[in-house]
Amino acid sequence: RTDEIAFGSVNEDGGVSVRVGLGET
């Protein structure tokens, strides 16, 4: 969950976000 904010900002900036393991993301 601590990485979800970064996933969102990376997505917004046109990058690629990768979740490791299970869970909503």
mmCIF file of all heavy atoms, coordinates in Angstrom:
data_MODEL
# 
_entry.id   MODEL 
# 
loop_
_atom_site.group_PDB 
_atom_site.id 
_atom_site.type_symbol 
_atom_site.label_atom_id 
_atom_site.label_alt_id 
_atom_site.label_comp_id 
_atom_site.label_asym_id 
_atom_site.label_entity_id 
_atom_site.label_seq_id 
_atom_site.pdbx_PDB_ins_code 
_atom_site.Cartn_x 
_atom_site.Cartn_y 
_atom_site.Cartn_z 
_atom_site.occupancy 
_atom_site.B_iso_or_equiv 
_atom_site.pdbx_formal_charge 
_atom_site.auth_seq_id 
_atom_site.auth_comp_id 
_atom_site.auth_asym_id 
_atom_site.auth_atom_id 
_atom_site.pdbx_PDB_model_num 
ATOM 1   N N   . ARG A 1 1  ? 0.825   -1.213  0.000   1.00 0.00 ? 1  ARG A N   1 
ATOM 2   C CA  . ARG A 1 1  ? 0.000   0.000   0.000   1.00 0.00 ? 1  ARG A CA  1 
ATOM 3   C C   . ARG A 1 1  ? 0.852   1.252   0.000   1.00 0.00 ? 1  ARG A C   1 
ATOM 4   O O   . ARG A 1 1  ? 0.459   2.293   -0.528  1.00 0.00 ? 1  ARG A O   1 
ATOM 5   C CB  . ARG A 1 1  ? -0.925  0.004   1.227   1.00 0.00 ? 1  ARG A CB  1 
ATOM 6   C CG  . ARG A 1 1  ? -2.147  -0.878  1.067   1.00 0.00 ? 1  ARG A CG  1 
ATOM 7   C CD  . ARG A 1 1  ? -3.083  -0.736  2.256   1.00 0.00 ? 1  ARG A CD  1 
ATOM 8   N NE  . ARG A 1 1  ? -2.591  -1.425  3.436   1.00 0.00 ? 1  ARG A NE  1 
ATOM 9   C CZ  . ARG A 1 1  ? -3.244  -1.456  4.600   1.00 0.00 ? 1  ARG A CZ  1 
ATOM 10  N NH1 . ARG A 1 1  ? -4.394  -0.808  4.732   1.00 0.00 ? 1  ARG A NH1 1 
ATOM 11  N NH2 . ARG A 1 1  ? -2.746  -2.118  5.637   1.00 0.00 ? 1  ARG A NH2 1 
ATOM 12  N N   . THR A 1 2  ? 2.041   1.175   0.580   1.00 0.00 ? 2  THR A N   1 
ATOM 13  C CA  . THR A 1 2  ? 2.920   2.342   0.610   1.00 0.00 ? 2  THR A CA  1 
ATOM 14  C C   . THR A 1 2  ? 3.401   2.717   -0.790  1.00 0.00 ? 2  THR A C   1 
ATOM 15  O O   . THR A 1 2  ? 3.915   3.828   -0.987  1.00 0.00 ? 2  THR A O   1 
ATOM 16  C CB  . THR A 1 2  ? 4.139   2.076   1.499   1.00 0.00 ? 2  THR A CB  1 
ATOM 17  O OG1 . THR A 1 2  ? 4.910   1.007   0.958   1.00 0.00 ? 2  THR A OG1 1 
ATOM 18  C CG2 . THR A 1 2  ? 3.703   1.712   2.914   1.00 0.00 ? 2  THR A CG2 1 
ATOM 19  N N   . ASP A 1 3  ? 3.262   1.810   -1.755  1.00 0.00 ? 3  ASP A N   1 
ATOM 20  C CA  . ASP A 1 3  ? 3.719   2.065   -3.120  1.00 0.00 ? 3  ASP A CA  1 
ATOM 21  C C   . ASP A 1 3  ? 2.613   2.578   -4.034  1.00 0.00 ? 3  ASP A C   1 
ATOM 22  O O   . ASP A 1 3  ? 2.896   3.007   -5.159  1.00 0.00 ? 3  ASP A O   1 
ATOM 23  C CB  . ASP A 1 3  ? 4.320   0.789   -3.714  1.00 0.00 ? 3  ASP A CB  1 
ATOM 24  C CG  . ASP A 1 3  ? 5.503   0.284   -2.919  1.00 0.00 ? 3  ASP A CG  1 
ATOM 25  O OD1 . ASP A 1 3  ? 6.406   1.093   -2.636  1.00 0.00 ? 3  ASP A OD1 1 
ATOM 26  O OD2 . ASP A 1 3  ? 5.520   -0.908  -2.548  1.00 0.00 ? 3  ASP A OD2 1 
ATOM 27  N N   . GLU A 1 4  ? 1.375   2.539   -3.569  1.00 0.00 ? 4  GLU A N   1 
ATOM 28  C CA  . GLU A 1 4  ? 0.264   2.898   -4.450  1.00 0.00 ? 4  GLU A CA  1 
ATOM 29  C C   . GLU A 1 4  ? 0.292   4.366   -4.875  1.00 0.00 ? 4  GLU A C   1 
ATOM 30  O O   . GLU A 1 4  ? -0.057  4.687   -6.007  1.00 0.00 ? 4  GLU A O   1 
ATOM 31  C CB  . GLU A 1 4  ? -1.076  2.554   -3.790  1.00 0.00 ? 4  GLU A CB  1 
ATOM 32  C CG  . GLU A 1 4  ? -1.331  1.053   -3.660  1.00 0.00 ? 4  GLU A CG  1 
ATOM 33  C CD  . GLU A 1 4  ? -1.492  0.355   -5.007  1.00 0.00 ? 4  GLU A CD  1 
ATOM 34  O OE1 . GLU A 1 4  ? -2.033  0.967   -5.948  1.00 0.00 ? 4  GLU A OE1 1 
ATOM 35  O OE2 . GLU A 1 4  ? -1.052  -0.808  -5.121  1.00 0.00 ? 4  GLU A OE2 1 
ATOM 36  N N   . ILE A 1 5  ? 0.691   5.269   -3.967  1.00 0.00 ? 5  ILE A N   1 
ATOM 37  C CA  . ILE A 1 5  ? 0.787   6.680   -4.358  1.00 0.00 ? 5  ILE A CA  1 
ATOM 38  C C   . ILE A 1 5  ? 1.793   6.843   -5.487  1.00 0.00 ? 5  ILE A C   1 
ATOM 39  O O   . ILE A 1 5  ? 1.558   7.572   -6.463  1.00 0.00 ? 5  ILE A O   1 
ATOM 40  C CB  . ILE A 1 5  ? 1.183   7.554   -3.152  1.00 0.00 ? 5  ILE A CB  1 
ATOM 41  C CG1 . ILE A 1 5  ? 0.075   7.539   -2.097  1.00 0.00 ? 5  ILE A CG1 1 
ATOM 42  C CG2 . ILE A 1 5  ? 1.467   8.984   -3.590  1.00 0.00 ? 5  ILE A CG2 1 
ATOM 43  C CD1 . ILE A 1 5  ? 0.445   8.256   -0.804  1.00 0.00 ? 5  ILE A CD1 1 
ATOM 44  N N   . ALA A 1 6  ? 2.909   6.137   -5.382  1.00 0.00 ? 6  ALA A N   1 
ATOM 45  C CA  . ALA A 1 6  ? 3.930   6.216   -6.428  1.00 0.00 ? 6  ALA A CA  1 
ATOM 46  C C   . ALA A 1 6  ? 3.440   5.603   -7.728  1.00 0.00 ? 6  ALA A C   1 
ATOM 47  O O   . ALA A 1 6  ? 3.732   6.123   -8.812  1.00 0.00 ? 6  ALA A O   1 
ATOM 48  C CB  . ALA A 1 6  ? 5.215   5.532   -5.966  1.00 0.00 ? 6  ALA A CB  1 
ATOM 49  N N   . PHE A 1 7  ? 2.690   4.493   -7.649  1.00 0.00 ? 7  PHE A N   1 
ATOM 50  C CA  . PHE A 1 7  ? 2.121   3.925   -8.868  1.00 0.00 ? 7  PHE A CA  1 
ATOM 51  C C   . PHE A 1 7  ? 1.278   4.974   -9.591  1.00 0.00 ? 7  PHE A C   1 
ATOM 52  O O   . PHE A 1 7  ? 1.353   5.140   -10.802 1.00 0.00 ? 7  PHE A O   1 
ATOM 53  C CB  . PHE A 1 7  ? 1.244   2.713   -8.561  1.00 0.00 ? 7  PHE A CB  1 
ATOM 54  C CG  . PHE A 1 7  ? 1.984   1.497   -8.057  1.00 0.00 ? 7  PHE A CG  1 
ATOM 55  C CD1 . PHE A 1 7  ? 1.345   0.593   -7.209  1.00 0.00 ? 7  PHE A CD1 1 
ATOM 56  C CD2 . PHE A 1 7  ? 3.291   1.235   -8.429  1.00 0.00 ? 7  PHE A CD2 1 
ATOM 57  C CE1 . PHE A 1 7  ? 1.998   -0.529  -6.743  1.00 0.00 ? 7  PHE A CE1 1 
ATOM 58  C CE2 . PHE A 1 7  ? 3.959   0.113   -7.968  1.00 0.00 ? 7  PHE A CE2 1 
ATOM 59  C CZ  . PHE A 1 7  ? 3.312   -0.777  -7.115  1.00 0.00 ? 7  PHE A CZ  1 
ATOM 60  N N   . GLY A 1 8  ? 0.446   5.682   -8.810  1.00 0.00 ? 8  GLY A N   1 
ATOM 61  C CA  . GLY A 1 8  ? -0.421  6.684   -9.403  1.00 0.00 ? 8  GLY A CA  1 
ATOM 62  C C   . GLY A 1 8  ? 0.349   7.803   -10.073 1.00 0.00 ? 8  GLY A C   1 
ATOM 63  O O   . GLY A 1 8  ? 0.028   8.216   -11.204 1.00 0.00 ? 8  GLY A O   1 
ATOM 64  N N   . SER A 1 9  ? 1.375   8.315   -9.410  1.00 0.00 ? 9  SER A N   1 
ATOM 65  C CA  . SER A 1 9  ? 2.142   9.420   -9.997  1.00 0.00 ? 9  SER A CA  1 
ATOM 66  C C   . SER A 1 9  ? 2.954   8.962   -11.203 1.00 0.00 ? 9  SER A C   1 
ATOM 67  O O   . SER A 1 9  ? 3.077   9.694   -12.194 1.00 0.00 ? 9  SER A O   1 
ATOM 68  C CB  . SER A 1 9  ? 3.043   10.066  -8.946  1.00 0.00 ? 9  SER A CB  1 
ATOM 69  O OG  . SER A 1 9  ? 4.020   9.166   -8.472  1.00 0.00 ? 9  SER A OG  1 
ATOM 70  N N   . VAL A 1 10 ? 3.502   7.744   -11.146 1.00 0.00 ? 10 VAL A N   1 
ATOM 71  C CA  . VAL A 1 10 ? 4.228   7.211   -12.300 1.00 0.00 ? 10 VAL A CA  1 
ATOM 72  C C   . VAL A 1 10 ? 3.289   7.053   -13.487 1.00 0.00 ? 10 VAL A C   1 
ATOM 73  O O   . VAL A 1 10 ? 3.630   7.394   -14.632 1.00 0.00 ? 10 VAL A O   1 
ATOM 74  C CB  . VAL A 1 10 ? 4.913   5.877   -11.939 1.00 0.00 ? 10 VAL A CB  1 
ATOM 75  C CG1 . VAL A 1 10 ? 5.401   5.148   -13.189 1.00 0.00 ? 10 VAL A CG1 1 
ATOM 76  C CG2 . VAL A 1 10 ? 6.080   6.119   -10.996 1.00 0.00 ? 10 VAL A CG2 1 
ATOM 77  N N   . ASN A 1 11 ? 2.072   6.560   -13.232 1.00 0.00 ? 11 ASN A N   1 
ATOM 78  C CA  . ASN A 1 11 ? 1.084   6.450   -14.307 1.00 0.00 ? 11 ASN A CA  1 
ATOM 79  C C   . ASN A 1 11 ? 0.780   7.817   -14.915 1.00 0.00 ? 11 ASN A C   1 
ATOM 80  O O   . ASN A 1 11 ? 0.732   7.976   -16.145 1.00 0.00 ? 11 ASN A O   1 
ATOM 81  C CB  . ASN A 1 11 ? -0.211  5.829   -13.783 1.00 0.00 ? 11 ASN A CB  1 
ATOM 82  C CG  . ASN A 1 11 ? -0.064  4.375   -13.386 1.00 0.00 ? 11 ASN A CG  1 
ATOM 83  O OD1 . ASN A 1 11 ? 0.909   3.720   -13.761 1.00 0.00 ? 11 ASN A OD1 1 
ATOM 84  N ND2 . ASN A 1 11 ? -1.014  3.870   -12.622 1.00 0.00 ? 11 ASN A ND2 1 
ATOM 85  N N   . GLU A 1 12 ? 0.557   8.811   -14.043 1.00 0.00 ? 12 GLU A N   1 
ATOM 86  C CA  . GLU A 1 12 ? 0.237   10.167  -14.512 1.00 0.00 ? 12 GLU A CA  1 
ATOM 87  C C   . GLU A 1 12 ? 1.352   10.745  -15.379 1.00 0.00 ? 12 GLU A C   1 
ATOM 88  O O   . GLU A 1 12 ? 1.088   11.503  -16.318 1.00 0.00 ? 12 GLU A O   1 
ATOM 89  C CB  . GLU A 1 12 ? -0.003  11.092  -13.321 1.00 0.00 ? 12 GLU A CB  1 
ATOM 90  C CG  . GLU A 1 12 ? -1.279  10.818  -12.553 1.00 0.00 ? 12 GLU A CG  1 
ATOM 91  C CD  . GLU A 1 12 ? -1.358  11.652  -11.286 1.00 0.00 ? 12 GLU A CD  1 
ATOM 92  O OE1 . GLU A 1 12 ? -0.485  12.530  -11.090 1.00 0.00 ? 12 GLU A OE1 1 
ATOM 93  O OE2 . GLU A 1 12 ? -2.291  11.417  -10.487 1.00 0.00 ? 12 GLU A OE2 1 
ATOM 94  N N   . ASP A 1 13 ? 2.592   10.380  -15.052 1.00 0.00 ? 13 ASP A N   1 
ATOM 95  C CA  . ASP A 1 13 ? 3.740   10.939  -15.765 1.00 0.00 ? 13 ASP A CA  1 
ATOM 96  C C   . ASP A 1 13 ? 4.139   10.114  -16.984 1.00 0.00 ? 13 ASP A C   1 
ATOM 97  O O   . ASP A 1 13 ? 5.183   10.387  -17.604 1.00 0.00 ? 13 ASP A O   1 
ATOM 98  C CB  . ASP A 1 13 ? 4.924   11.063  -14.811 1.00 0.00 ? 13 ASP A CB  1 
ATOM 99  C CG  . ASP A 1 13 ? 4.658   12.057  -13.687 1.00 0.00 ? 13 ASP A CG  1 
ATOM 100 O OD1 . ASP A 1 13 ? 3.748   12.891  -13.834 1.00 0.00 ? 13 ASP A OD1 1 
ATOM 101 O OD2 . ASP A 1 13 ? 5.359   11.986  -12.649 1.00 0.00 ? 13 ASP A OD2 1 
ATOM 102 N N   . GLY A 1 14 ? 3.323   9.100   -17.328 1.00 0.00 ? 14 GLY A N   1 
ATOM 103 C CA  . GLY A 1 14 ? 3.591   8.319   -18.532 1.00 0.00 ? 14 GLY A CA  1 
ATOM 104 C C   . GLY A 1 14 ? 4.557   7.177   -18.356 1.00 0.00 ? 14 GLY A C   1 
ATOM 105 O O   . GLY A 1 14 ? 5.040   6.609   -19.348 1.00 0.00 ? 14 GLY A O   1 
ATOM 106 N N   . GLY A 1 15 ? 4.835   6.800   -17.097 1.00 0.00 ? 15 GLY A N   1 
ATOM 107 C CA  . GLY A 1 15 ? 5.736   5.693   -16.837 1.00 0.00 ? 15 GLY A CA  1 
ATOM 108 C C   . GLY A 1 15 ? 5.003   4.373   -16.743 1.00 0.00 ? 15 GLY A C   1 
ATOM 109 O O   . GLY A 1 15 ? 3.808   4.269   -17.071 1.00 0.00 ? 15 GLY A O   1 
ATOM 110 N N   . VAL A 1 16 ? 5.710   3.352   -16.276 1.00 0.00 ? 16 VAL A N   1 
ATOM 111 C CA  . VAL A 1 16 ? 5.153   2.002   -16.128 1.00 0.00 ? 16 VAL A CA  1 
ATOM 112 C C   . VAL A 1 16 ? 5.224   1.608   -14.664 1.00 0.00 ? 16 VAL A C   1 
ATOM 113 O O   . VAL A 1 16 ? 6.304   1.594   -14.071 1.00 0.00 ? 16 VAL A O   1 
ATOM 114 C CB  . VAL A 1 16 ? 5.923   0.976   -16.987 1.00 0.00 ? 16 VAL A CB  1 
ATOM 115 C CG1 . VAL A 1 16 ? 5.280   -0.404  -16.851 1.00 0.00 ? 16 VAL A CG1 1 
ATOM 116 C CG2 . VAL A 1 16 ? 5.964   1.401   -18.444 1.00 0.00 ? 16 VAL A CG2 1 
ATOM 117 N N   . SER A 1 17 ? 4.079   1.281   -14.083 1.00 0.00 ? 17 SER A N   1 
ATOM 118 C CA  . SER A 1 17 ? 4.003   0.865   -12.684 1.00 0.00 ? 17 SER A CA  1 
ATOM 119 C C   . SER A 1 17 ? 3.775   -0.633  -12.610 1.00 0.00 ? 17 SER A C   1 
ATOM 120 O O   . SER A 1 17 ? 2.960   -1.183  -13.360 1.00 0.00 ? 17 SER A O   1 
ATOM 121 C CB  . SER A 1 17 ? 2.867   1.604   -11.976 1.00 0.00 ? 17 SER A CB  1 
ATOM 122 O OG  . SER A 1 17 ? 1.650   1.447   -12.693 1.00 0.00 ? 17 SER A OG  1 
ATOM 123 N N   . VAL A 1 18 ? 4.496   -1.306  -11.700 1.00 0.00 ? 18 VAL A N   1 
ATOM 124 C CA  . VAL A 1 18 ? 4.447   -2.771  -11.614 1.00 0.00 ? 18 VAL A CA  1 
ATOM 125 C C   . VAL A 1 18 ? 4.206   -3.177  -10.159 1.00 0.00 ? 18 VAL A C   1 
ATOM 126 O O   . VAL A 1 18 ? 5.049   -2.928  -9.291  1.00 0.00 ? 18 VAL A O   1 
ATOM 127 C CB  . VAL A 1 18 ? 5.757   -3.409  -12.117 1.00 0.00 ? 18 VAL A CB  1 
ATOM 128 C CG1 . VAL A 1 18 ? 5.635   -4.934  -12.101 1.00 0.00 ? 18 VAL A CG1 1 
ATOM 129 C CG2 . VAL A 1 18 ? 6.108   -2.908  -13.508 1.00 0.00 ? 18 VAL A CG2 1 
ATOM 130 N N   . ARG A 1 19 ? 3.073   -3.802  -9.897  1.00 0.00 ? 19 ARG A N   1 
ATOM 131 C CA  . ARG A 1 19 ? 2.757   -4.307  -8.560  1.00 0.00 ? 19 ARG A CA  1 
ATOM 132 C C   . ARG A 1 19 ? 3.334   -5.705  -8.409  1.00 0.00 ? 19 ARG A C   1 
ATOM 133 O O   . ARG A 1 19 ? 3.150   -6.568  -9.284  1.00 0.00 ? 19 ARG A O   1 
ATOM 134 C CB  . ARG A 1 19 ? 1.236   -4.347  -8.362  1.00 0.00 ? 19 ARG A CB  1 
ATOM 135 C CG  . ARG A 1 19 ? 0.748   -5.057  -7.100  1.00 0.00 ? 19 ARG A CG  1 
ATOM 136 C CD  . ARG A 1 19 ? 1.000   -4.269  -5.842  1.00 0.00 ? 19 ARG A CD  1 
ATOM 137 N NE  . ARG A 1 19 ? 0.522   -4.974  -4.654  1.00 0.00 ? 19 ARG A NE  1 
ATOM 138 C CZ  . ARG A 1 19 ? -0.315  -4.463  -3.762  1.00 0.00 ? 19 ARG A CZ  1 
ATOM 139 N NH1 . ARG A 1 19 ? -0.791  -3.241  -3.916  1.00 0.00 ? 19 ARG A NH1 1 
ATOM 140 N NH2 . ARG A 1 19 ? -0.669  -5.152  -2.705  1.00 0.00 ? 19 ARG A NH2 1 
ATOM 141 N N   . VAL A 1 20 ? 4.003   -5.943  -7.302  1.00 0.00 ? 20 VAL A N   1 
ATOM 142 C CA  . VAL A 1 20 ? 4.560   -7.259  -7.002  1.00 0.00 ? 20 VAL A CA  1 
ATOM 143 C C   . VAL A 1 20 ? 3.643   -7.936  -5.994  1.00 0.00 ? 20 VAL A C   1 
ATOM 144 O O   . VAL A 1 20 ? 3.418   -7.419  -4.896  1.00 0.00 ? 20 VAL A O   1 
ATOM 145 C CB  . VAL A 1 20 ? 5.987   -7.138  -6.433  1.00 0.00 ? 20 VAL A CB  1 
ATOM 146 C CG1 . VAL A 1 20 ? 6.564   -8.519  -6.127  1.00 0.00 ? 20 VAL A CG1 1 
ATOM 147 C CG2 . VAL A 1 20 ? 6.884   -6.389  -7.417  1.00 0.00 ? 20 VAL A CG2 1 
ATOM 148 N N   . GLY A 1 21 ? 3.099   -9.090  -6.359  1.00 0.00 ? 21 GLY A N   1 
ATOM 149 C CA  . GLY A 1 21 ? 2.214   -9.818  -5.466  1.00 0.00 ? 21 GLY A CA  1 
ATOM 150 C C   . GLY A 1 21 ? 0.757   -9.487  -5.690  1.00 0.00 ? 21 GLY A C   1 
ATOM 151 O O   . GLY A 1 21 ? 0.380   -8.762  -6.620  1.00 0.00 ? 21 GLY A O   1 
ATOM 152 N N   . LEU A 1 22 ? -0.080  -10.044 -4.805  1.00 0.00 ? 22 LEU A N   1 
ATOM 153 C CA  . LEU A 1 22 ? -1.527  -9.906  -4.925  1.00 0.00 ? 22 LEU A CA  1 
ATOM 154 C C   . LEU A 1 22 ? -2.005  -8.578  -4.360  1.00 0.00 ? 22 LEU A C   1 
ATOM 155 O O   . LEU A 1 22 ? -1.242  -7.832  -3.771  1.00 0.00 ? 22 LEU A O   1 
ATOM 156 C CB  . LEU A 1 22 ? -2.202  -11.069 -4.194  1.00 0.00 ? 22 LEU A CB  1 
ATOM 157 C CG  . LEU A 1 22 ? -1.837  -12.478 -4.665  1.00 0.00 ? 22 LEU A CG  1 
ATOM 158 C CD1 . LEU A 1 22 ? -2.490  -13.524 -3.783  1.00 0.00 ? 22 LEU A CD1 1 
ATOM 159 C CD2 . LEU A 1 22 ? -2.238  -12.675 -6.131  1.00 0.00 ? 22 LEU A CD2 1 
ATOM 160 N N   . GLY A 1 23 ? -3.302  -8.325  -4.535  1.00 0.00 ? 23 GLY A N   1 
ATOM 161 C CA  . GLY A 1 23 ? -3.913  -7.140  -3.958  1.00 0.00 ? 23 GLY A CA  1 
ATOM 162 C C   . GLY A 1 23 ? -4.395  -6.169  -5.009  1.00 0.00 ? 23 GLY A C   1 
ATOM 163 O O   . GLY A 1 23 ? -3.865  -6.116  -6.130  1.00 0.00 ? 23 GLY A O   1 
ATOM 164 N N   . GLU A 1 24 ? -5.422  -5.411  -4.651  1.00 0.00 ? 24 GLU A N   1 
ATOM 165 C CA  . GLU A 1 24 ? -5.920  -4.373  -5.537  1.00 0.00 ? 24 GLU A CA  1 
ATOM 166 C C   . GLU A 1 24 ? -4.842  -3.320  -5.738  1.00 0.00 ? 24 GLU A C   1 
ATOM 167 O O   . GLU A 1 24 ? -4.077  -3.009  -4.825  1.00 0.00 ? 24 GLU A O   1 
ATOM 168 C CB  . GLU A 1 24 ? -7.180  -3.738  -4.960  1.00 0.00 ? 24 GLU A CB  1 
ATOM 169 C CG  . GLU A 1 24 ? -8.375  -4.673  -4.919  1.00 0.00 ? 24 GLU A CG  1 
ATOM 170 C CD  . GLU A 1 24 ? -9.646  -3.958  -4.504  1.00 0.00 ? 24 GLU A CD  1 
ATOM 171 O OE1 . GLU A 1 24 ? -9.625  -2.707  -4.432  1.00 0.00 ? 24 GLU A OE1 1 
ATOM 172 O OE2 . GLU A 1 24 ? -10.647 -4.643  -4.251  1.00 0.00 ? 24 GLU A OE2 1 
ATOM 173 N N   . THR A 1 25 ? -4.802  -2.745  -6.931  1.00 0.00 ? 25 THR A N   1 
ATOM 174 C CA  . THR A 1 25 ? -3.723  -1.823  -7.244  1.00 0.00 ? 25 THR A CA  1 
ATOM 175 C C   . THR A 1 25 ? -4.117  -0.898  -8.377  1.00 0.00 ? 25 THR A C   1 
ATOM 176 O O   . THR A 1 25 ? -4.984  -1.231  -9.190  1.00 0.00 ? 25 THR A O   1 
ATOM 177 C CB  . THR A 1 25 ? -2.449  -2.596  -7.618  1.00 0.00 ? 25 THR A CB  1 
ATOM 178 O OG1 . THR A 1 25 ? -1.373  -1.666  -7.818  1.00 0.00 ? 25 THR A OG1 1 
ATOM 179 C CG2 . THR A 1 25 ? -2.641  -3.416  -8.882  1.00 0.00 ? 25 THR A CG2 1 
# 
